[in-house]
Amino acid sequence: MPNIASILKAEISRVARKEVRAEIETLKKASVAHRTSIAELRRQVSALEKEIRRVAKGATRTTATADPVNEETTGTKRRFSASRLATHRSKLGLSAASYGQLVGVSGQTIYHWEQGKARPRATQLENLAAVRGLGAREIAQRLSEK
């Protein structure tokens, strides 16, 4: 006949292992759920950081193109039309390179403005307005100086 103490000890350890196993399973499930939620939160943070960088990049472009200090000092906001630029240049009979010299940019830049591939900055708009106010003689004089 086996010893009652050893049987009792074996039964207690079996029941204890069963209880520990049940507790460990619930802890494993909770751990998996936490890891999943942590991974999802990391993805969300990453997406939000990308969005912040995109918005900040757009905001710096907006502030660079719409220079409020320049508008306050000049008092007027200049408008730009690619077709009017091309018409004015052809009316004067100037090449894109020579018109660019007057404005202070390259001929390729003038070409891109006329094609609508690019837009002039605020300072360049002021230069365009100044050139637009010049007569044919003044333009010829300025081109001969440069």
N, C-alpha and C. Protein backbone atom coordinates (compact mmCIF):
# COMPACT_ATOMS: atom_id res chain seq x y z
N MET A 1 0.84 -1.16 0.00
CA MET A 1 0.00 0.00 0.00
C MET A 1 0.89 1.24 0.00
N PRO A 2 0.57 2.12 -0.94
CA PRO A 2 1.41 3.32 -1.03
C PRO A 2 1.18 4.23 0.16
N ASN A 3 2.16 5.05 0.35
CA ASN A 3 2.13 5.99 1.46
C ASN A 3 1.13 7.11 1.14
N ILE A 4 0.24 7.39 2.08
CA ILE A 4 -0.80 8.41 1.86
C ILE A 4 -0.19 9.78 1.68
N ALA A 5 0.93 10.04 2.28
CA ALA A 5 1.58 11.34 2.16
C ALA A 5 2.08 11.56 0.74
N SER A 6 2.66 10.54 0.12
CA SER A 6 3.17 10.68 -1.24
C SER A 6 2.03 10.84 -2.24
N ILE A 7 0.92 10.14 -2.01
CA ILE A 7 -0.24 10.28 -2.89
C ILE A 7 -0.81 11.71 -2.78
N LEU A 8 -0.91 12.18 -1.55
CA LEU A 8 -1.42 13.53 -1.33
C LEU A 8 -0.52 14.58 -1.97
N LYS A 9 0.78 14.38 -1.84
CA LYS A 9 1.76 15.30 -2.42
C LYS A 9 1.65 15.30 -3.95
N ALA A 10 1.52 14.17 -4.57
CA ALA A 10 1.39 14.06 -6.02
C ALA A 10 0.10 14.72 -6.51
N GLU A 11 -0.97 14.49 -5.79
CA GLU A 11 -2.24 15.11 -6.18
C GLU A 11 -2.20 16.62 -6.06
N ILE A 12 -1.60 17.13 -5.00
CA ILE A 12 -1.48 18.58 -4.81
C ILE A 12 -0.64 19.20 -5.92
N SER A 13 0.47 18.58 -6.28
CA SER A 13 1.30 19.13 -7.35
C SER A 13 0.59 19.06 -8.70
N ARG A 14 -0.21 18.01 -8.96
CA ARG A 14 -0.97 17.92 -10.20
C ARG A 14 -2.00 19.03 -10.30
N VAL A 15 -2.75 19.26 -9.22
CA VAL A 15 -3.76 20.32 -9.20
C VAL A 15 -3.09 21.69 -9.32
N ALA A 16 -1.94 21.87 -8.67
CA ALA A 16 -1.22 23.14 -8.73
C ALA A 16 -0.75 23.41 -10.17
N ARG A 17 -0.20 22.39 -10.86
CA ARG A 17 0.23 22.55 -12.26
C ARG A 17 -0.95 22.92 -13.15
N LYS A 18 -2.10 22.29 -12.90
CA LYS A 18 -3.30 22.58 -13.70
C LYS A 18 -3.73 24.03 -13.51
N GLU A 19 -3.72 24.51 -12.28
CA GLU A 19 -4.10 25.90 -11.99
C GLU A 19 -3.10 26.89 -12.58
N VAL A 20 -1.82 26.59 -12.46
CA VAL A 20 -0.77 27.47 -13.02
C VAL A 20 -0.91 27.53 -14.53
N ARG A 21 -1.15 26.37 -15.17
CA ARG A 21 -1.30 26.32 -16.62
C ARG A 21 -2.48 27.19 -17.06
N ALA A 22 -3.59 27.16 -16.35
CA ALA A 22 -4.77 27.97 -16.68
C ALA A 22 -4.45 29.46 -16.54
N GLU A 23 -3.73 29.82 -15.48
CA GLU A 23 -3.36 31.23 -15.28
C GLU A 23 -2.38 31.70 -16.34
N ILE A 24 -1.45 30.86 -16.71
CA ILE A 24 -0.46 31.22 -17.73
C ILE A 24 -1.15 31.42 -19.08
N GLU A 25 -2.14 30.59 -19.40
CA GLU A 25 -2.86 30.76 -20.67
C GLU A 25 -3.55 32.11 -20.74
N THR A 26 -4.19 32.54 -19.65
CA THR A 26 -4.85 33.85 -19.67
C THR A 26 -3.82 34.97 -19.78
N LEU A 27 -2.68 34.80 -19.11
CA LEU A 27 -1.62 35.82 -19.22
C LEU A 27 -1.04 35.88 -20.63
N LYS A 28 -0.89 34.72 -21.27
CA LYS A 28 -0.39 34.69 -22.66
C LYS A 28 -1.36 35.39 -23.59
N LYS A 29 -2.66 35.14 -23.42
CA LYS A 29 -3.65 35.80 -24.25
C LYS A 29 -3.63 37.31 -24.05
N ALA A 30 -3.51 37.74 -22.81
CA ALA A 30 -3.45 39.17 -22.52
C ALA A 30 -2.18 39.79 -23.13
N SER A 31 -1.07 39.07 -23.03
CA SER A 31 0.19 39.55 -23.60
C SER A 31 0.09 39.71 -25.11
N VAL A 32 -0.51 38.74 -25.78
CA VAL A 32 -0.70 38.82 -27.24
C VAL A 32 -1.58 40.02 -27.60
N ALA A 33 -2.64 40.21 -26.83
CA ALA A 33 -3.54 41.34 -27.10
C ALA A 33 -2.81 42.67 -26.91
N HIS A 34 -1.99 42.77 -25.87
CA HIS A 34 -1.23 44.00 -25.62
C HIS A 34 -0.21 44.24 -26.73
N ARG A 35 0.47 43.20 -27.15
CA ARG A 35 1.45 43.37 -28.23
C ARG A 35 0.77 43.82 -29.52
N THR A 36 -0.39 43.26 -29.80
CA THR A 36 -1.13 43.66 -31.00
C THR A 36 -1.54 45.13 -30.92
N SER A 37 -2.04 45.54 -29.78
CA SER A 37 -2.45 46.94 -29.65
C SER A 37 -1.25 47.88 -29.70
N ILE A 38 -0.11 47.46 -29.15
CA ILE A 38 1.11 48.27 -29.21
C ILE A 38 1.57 48.43 -30.67
N ALA A 39 1.53 47.34 -31.42
CA ALA A 39 1.92 47.41 -32.83
C ALA A 39 0.98 48.34 -33.60
N GLU A 40 -0.31 48.26 -33.34
CA GLU A 40 -1.26 49.14 -34.02
C GLU A 40 -1.01 50.61 -33.65
N LEU A 41 -0.74 50.87 -32.38
CA LEU A 41 -0.46 52.24 -31.96
C LEU A 41 0.83 52.76 -32.60
N ARG A 42 1.82 51.92 -32.74
CA ARG A 42 3.05 52.34 -33.42
C ARG A 42 2.78 52.70 -34.87
N ARG A 43 1.95 51.91 -35.54
CA ARG A 43 1.59 52.22 -36.94
C ARG A 43 0.86 53.56 -37.01
N GLN A 44 -0.04 53.79 -36.07
CA GLN A 44 -0.78 55.05 -36.06
C GLN A 44 0.16 56.24 -35.81
N VAL A 45 1.09 56.09 -34.88
CA VAL A 45 2.05 57.16 -34.60
C VAL A 45 2.90 57.44 -35.83
N SER A 46 3.33 56.39 -36.49
CA SER A 46 4.12 56.56 -37.71
C SER A 46 3.34 57.30 -38.78
N ALA A 47 2.09 56.92 -38.97
CA ALA A 47 1.25 57.59 -39.98
C ALA A 47 1.03 59.05 -39.61
N LEU A 48 0.80 59.33 -38.34
CA LEU A 48 0.59 60.70 -37.91
C LEU A 48 1.85 61.54 -38.07
N GLU A 49 3.01 60.96 -37.79
CA GLU A 49 4.28 61.68 -37.97
C GLU A 49 4.48 62.01 -39.44
N LYS A 50 4.16 61.07 -40.33
CA LYS A 50 4.26 61.34 -41.77
C LYS A 50 3.33 62.48 -42.16
N GLU A 51 2.12 62.45 -41.63
CA GLU A 51 1.15 63.51 -41.94
C GLU A 51 1.64 64.86 -41.44
N ILE A 52 2.22 64.89 -40.25
CA ILE A 52 2.75 66.13 -39.70
C ILE A 52 3.87 66.66 -40.59
N ARG A 53 4.77 65.77 -41.03
CA ARG A 53 5.86 66.21 -41.91
C ARG A 53 5.31 66.76 -43.22
N ARG A 54 4.29 66.10 -43.76
CA ARG A 54 3.70 66.55 -45.02
C ARG A 54 3.04 67.91 -44.85
N VAL A 55 2.31 68.08 -43.76
CA VAL A 55 1.63 69.35 -43.51
C VAL A 55 2.66 70.45 -43.25
N ALA A 56 3.69 70.14 -42.48
CA ALA A 56 4.72 71.13 -42.19
C ALA A 56 5.44 71.54 -43.47
N LYS A 57 5.69 70.58 -44.33
CA LYS A 57 6.35 70.88 -45.60
C LYS A 57 5.47 71.79 -46.45
N GLY A 58 4.18 71.50 -46.49
CA GLY A 58 3.25 72.33 -47.24
C GLY A 58 3.11 73.72 -46.63
N ALA A 59 3.16 73.79 -45.31
CA ALA A 59 3.05 75.08 -44.64
C ALA A 59 4.26 75.95 -44.92
N THR A 60 5.45 75.36 -44.97
CA THR A 60 6.65 76.16 -45.27
C THR A 60 6.61 76.64 -46.70
N ARG A 61 6.09 75.82 -47.61
CA ARG A 61 5.95 76.26 -49.00
C ARG A 61 4.95 77.40 -49.09
N THR A 62 3.86 77.29 -48.38
CA THR A 62 2.83 78.32 -48.42
C THR A 62 3.36 79.63 -47.87
N THR A 63 4.08 79.58 -46.75
CA THR A 63 4.61 80.81 -46.17
C THR A 63 5.71 81.39 -47.04
N ALA A 64 6.43 80.53 -47.75
CA ALA A 64 7.49 81.04 -48.61
C ALA A 64 6.91 81.74 -49.83
N THR A 65 5.82 81.21 -50.40
CA THR A 65 5.25 81.82 -51.60
C THR A 65 4.38 83.02 -51.25
N ALA A 66 3.61 82.94 -50.20
CA ALA A 66 2.78 84.06 -49.80
C ALA A 66 3.50 84.82 -48.70
N ASP A 67 4.37 85.73 -49.11
CA ASP A 67 5.19 86.47 -48.17
C ASP A 67 4.38 87.66 -47.64
N PRO A 68 3.83 87.58 -46.42
CA PRO A 68 2.97 88.64 -45.92
C PRO A 68 3.73 89.94 -45.70
N VAL A 69 5.00 89.88 -45.38
CA VAL A 69 5.78 91.10 -45.16
C VAL A 69 5.89 91.87 -46.46
N ASN A 70 6.13 91.17 -47.56
CA ASN A 70 6.25 91.81 -48.87
C ASN A 70 4.92 92.44 -49.28
N GLU A 71 3.82 91.76 -49.01
CA GLU A 71 2.52 92.29 -49.38
C GLU A 71 2.17 93.52 -48.56
N GLU A 72 2.58 93.54 -47.31
CA GLU A 72 2.29 94.70 -46.47
C GLU A 72 3.08 95.91 -46.94
N THR A 73 4.33 95.72 -47.32
CA THR A 73 5.15 96.85 -47.73
C THR A 73 4.73 97.38 -49.09
N THR A 74 4.38 96.50 -50.02
CA THR A 74 3.96 96.96 -51.34
C THR A 74 2.52 97.43 -51.33
N GLY A 75 1.70 96.84 -50.52
CA GLY A 75 0.32 97.25 -50.42
C GLY A 75 -0.60 96.56 -51.41
N THR A 76 -0.04 95.92 -52.46
CA THR A 76 -0.87 95.22 -53.44
C THR A 76 -0.38 93.81 -53.59
N LYS A 77 -1.31 92.95 -53.94
CA LYS A 77 -0.96 91.57 -54.21
C LYS A 77 -0.94 91.40 -55.72
N ARG A 78 0.17 90.92 -56.23
CA ARG A 78 0.34 90.77 -57.68
C ARG A 78 -0.29 89.47 -58.15
N ARG A 79 -0.91 89.53 -59.31
CA ARG A 79 -1.46 88.34 -59.93
C ARG A 79 -0.57 87.97 -61.10
N PHE A 80 -0.60 86.70 -61.46
CA PHE A 80 0.24 86.22 -62.56
C PHE A 80 -0.61 85.47 -63.56
N SER A 81 -0.36 85.74 -64.84
CA SER A 81 -1.03 85.01 -65.91
C SER A 81 0.03 84.61 -66.93
N ALA A 82 0.12 83.32 -67.20
CA ALA A 82 1.11 82.82 -68.14
C ALA A 82 0.85 83.35 -69.54
N SER A 83 -0.41 83.40 -69.93
CA SER A 83 -0.72 83.87 -71.29
C SER A 83 -0.41 85.35 -71.45
N ARG A 84 -0.66 86.15 -70.40
CA ARG A 84 -0.33 87.58 -70.49
C ARG A 84 1.17 87.80 -70.57
N LEU A 85 1.94 86.96 -69.88
CA LEU A 85 3.39 87.07 -69.95
C LEU A 85 3.87 86.76 -71.36
N ALA A 86 3.35 85.70 -71.96
CA ALA A 86 3.74 85.33 -73.31
C ALA A 86 3.33 86.41 -74.31
N THR A 87 2.15 86.97 -74.12
CA THR A 87 1.67 88.02 -75.02
C THR A 87 2.54 89.26 -74.91
N HIS A 88 2.89 89.65 -73.70
CA HIS A 88 3.72 90.83 -73.49
C HIS A 88 5.10 90.63 -74.10
N ARG A 89 5.67 89.46 -73.91
CA ARG A 89 7.00 89.18 -74.46
C ARG A 89 6.97 89.19 -75.98
N SER A 90 5.94 88.58 -76.59
CA SER A 90 5.86 88.56 -78.05
C SER A 90 5.56 89.96 -78.60
N LYS A 91 4.80 90.75 -77.86
CA LYS A 91 4.49 92.12 -78.28
C LYS A 91 5.76 92.96 -78.34
N LEU A 92 6.66 92.72 -77.38
CA LEU A 92 7.93 93.44 -77.37
C LEU A 92 8.93 92.86 -78.37
N GLY A 93 8.67 91.64 -78.84
CA GLY A 93 9.56 91.00 -79.79
C GLY A 93 10.85 90.52 -79.14
N LEU A 94 10.77 90.11 -77.88
CA LEU A 94 11.95 89.68 -77.14
C LEU A 94 12.00 88.16 -77.04
N SER A 95 13.21 87.65 -76.99
CA SER A 95 13.38 86.21 -76.73
C SER A 95 13.16 85.96 -75.25
N ALA A 96 12.99 84.71 -74.91
CA ALA A 96 12.80 84.35 -73.50
C ALA A 96 14.05 84.69 -72.70
N ALA A 97 15.22 84.54 -73.31
CA ALA A 97 16.48 84.83 -72.61
C ALA A 97 16.60 86.32 -72.32
N SER A 98 16.29 87.16 -73.30
CA SER A 98 16.42 88.60 -73.07
C SER A 98 15.35 89.10 -72.10
N TYR A 99 14.15 88.56 -72.18
CA TYR A 99 13.11 88.93 -71.22
C TYR A 99 13.52 88.47 -69.82
N GLY A 100 14.15 87.30 -69.76
CA GLY A 100 14.65 86.81 -68.48
C GLY A 100 15.71 87.72 -67.89
N GLN A 101 16.56 88.32 -68.76
CA GLN A 101 17.58 89.27 -68.27
C GLN A 101 16.90 90.47 -67.61
N LEU A 102 15.84 90.93 -68.21
CA LEU A 102 15.13 92.09 -67.65
C LEU A 102 14.53 91.77 -66.27
N VAL A 103 13.98 90.57 -66.16
CA VAL A 103 13.32 90.18 -64.92
C VAL A 103 14.32 89.72 -63.86
N GLY A 104 15.47 89.20 -64.34
CA GLY A 104 16.47 88.70 -63.40
C GLY A 104 16.43 87.20 -63.23
N VAL A 105 15.92 86.50 -64.24
CA VAL A 105 15.86 85.04 -64.22
C VAL A 105 16.39 84.52 -65.55
N SER A 106 16.47 83.21 -65.69
CA SER A 106 16.96 82.63 -66.93
C SER A 106 15.84 82.57 -67.97
N GLY A 107 16.23 82.38 -69.22
CA GLY A 107 15.26 82.23 -70.29
C GLY A 107 14.42 80.98 -70.11
N GLN A 108 15.03 79.93 -69.58
CA GLN A 108 14.29 78.69 -69.33
C GLN A 108 13.18 78.90 -68.31
N THR A 109 13.45 79.75 -67.31
CA THR A 109 12.44 80.05 -66.30
C THR A 109 11.26 80.77 -66.94
N ILE A 110 11.55 81.73 -67.81
CA ILE A 110 10.49 82.44 -68.53
C ILE A 110 9.65 81.45 -69.33
N TYR A 111 10.33 80.54 -70.01
CA TYR A 111 9.63 79.53 -70.80
C TYR A 111 8.72 78.68 -69.92
N HIS A 112 9.22 78.25 -68.76
CA HIS A 112 8.40 77.43 -67.85
C HIS A 112 7.20 78.23 -67.32
N TRP A 113 7.40 79.50 -67.05
CA TRP A 113 6.28 80.33 -66.60
C TRP A 113 5.21 80.43 -67.68
N GLU A 114 5.65 80.64 -68.92
CA GLU A 114 4.70 80.76 -70.02
C GLU A 114 3.95 79.45 -70.28
N GLN A 115 4.61 78.33 -70.08
CA GLN A 115 3.98 77.03 -70.29
C GLN A 115 3.09 76.62 -69.13
N GLY A 116 3.19 77.34 -68.00
CA GLY A 116 2.39 77.01 -66.83
C GLY A 116 3.01 75.89 -65.99
N LYS A 117 4.27 75.56 -66.26
CA LYS A 117 4.94 74.50 -65.50
C LYS A 117 5.46 75.00 -64.16
N ALA A 118 5.59 76.33 -64.03
CA ALA A 118 6.08 76.92 -62.79
C ALA A 118 5.41 78.27 -62.61
N ARG A 119 5.52 78.80 -61.39
CA ARG A 119 4.96 80.12 -61.08
C ARG A 119 6.06 80.97 -60.45
N PRO A 120 6.06 82.26 -60.74
CA PRO A 120 7.09 83.12 -60.15
C PRO A 120 6.84 83.37 -58.67
N ARG A 121 7.92 83.61 -57.95
CA ARG A 121 7.83 83.96 -56.53
C ARG A 121 7.37 85.42 -56.40
N ALA A 122 7.14 85.85 -55.17
CA ALA A 122 6.63 87.20 -54.94
C ALA A 122 7.62 88.26 -55.43
N THR A 123 8.89 88.07 -55.16
CA THR A 123 9.88 89.06 -55.61
C THR A 123 9.97 89.08 -57.13
N GLN A 124 9.84 87.92 -57.74
CA GLN A 124 9.87 87.86 -59.19
C GLN A 124 8.62 88.49 -59.80
N LEU A 125 7.49 88.38 -59.11
CA LEU A 125 6.28 89.05 -59.58
C LEU A 125 6.47 90.56 -59.58
N GLU A 126 7.16 91.08 -58.57
CA GLU A 126 7.44 92.51 -58.52
C GLU A 126 8.33 92.91 -59.69
N ASN A 127 9.33 92.09 -59.99
CA ASN A 127 10.21 92.37 -61.13
C ASN A 127 9.43 92.32 -62.45
N LEU A 128 8.52 91.36 -62.57
CA LEU A 128 7.68 91.27 -63.77
C LEU A 128 6.81 92.52 -63.92
N ALA A 129 6.26 92.99 -62.81
CA ALA A 129 5.42 94.19 -62.85
C ALA A 129 6.25 95.40 -63.25
N ALA A 130 7.48 95.47 -62.77
CA ALA A 130 8.35 96.59 -63.13
C ALA A 130 8.67 96.56 -64.62
N VAL A 131 8.95 95.38 -65.16
CA VAL A 131 9.25 95.25 -66.59
C VAL A 131 8.00 95.58 -67.41
N ARG A 132 6.86 95.19 -66.92
CA ARG A 132 5.61 95.45 -67.63
C ARG A 132 5.34 96.95 -67.73
N GLY A 133 5.81 97.70 -66.77
CA GLY A 133 5.61 99.15 -66.78
C GLY A 133 6.59 99.90 -67.66
N LEU A 134 7.60 99.22 -68.19
CA LEU A 134 8.60 99.88 -69.02
C LEU A 134 8.13 99.98 -70.47
N GLY A 135 8.63 100.99 -71.14
CA GLY A 135 8.35 101.15 -72.55
C GLY A 135 9.39 100.42 -73.39
N ALA A 136 9.20 100.41 -74.70
CA ALA A 136 10.11 99.69 -75.60
C ALA A 136 11.50 100.31 -75.58
N ARG A 137 11.60 101.65 -75.52
CA ARG A 137 12.91 102.31 -75.48
C ARG A 137 13.66 101.98 -74.19
N GLU A 138 12.94 102.03 -73.08
CA GLU A 138 13.59 101.73 -71.79
C GLU A 138 14.08 100.29 -71.76
N ILE A 139 13.30 99.40 -72.33
CA ILE A 139 13.69 97.98 -72.36
C ILE A 139 14.93 97.81 -73.23
N ALA A 140 14.95 98.46 -74.40
CA ALA A 140 16.13 98.37 -75.26
C ALA A 140 17.36 98.94 -74.57
N GLN A 141 17.17 100.02 -73.83
CA GLN A 141 18.29 100.64 -73.11
C GLN A 141 18.81 99.70 -72.03
N ARG A 142 17.92 99.10 -71.26
CA ARG A 142 18.34 98.18 -70.21
C ARG A 142 19.05 96.95 -70.77
N LEU A 143 18.55 96.45 -71.89
CA LEU A 143 19.19 95.28 -72.50
C LEU A 143 20.58 95.64 -73.04
N SER A 144 20.74 96.83 -73.55
CA SER A 144 22.07 97.23 -74.06
C SER A 144 23.05 97.45 -72.92
N GLU A 145 22.55 97.84 -71.72
CA GLU A 145 23.42 98.02 -70.56
C GLU A 145 23.93 96.68 -70.05
N LYS A 146 23.10 95.65 -70.14
CA LYS A 146 23.46 94.36 -69.55
C LYS A 146 24.24 93.59 -70.51
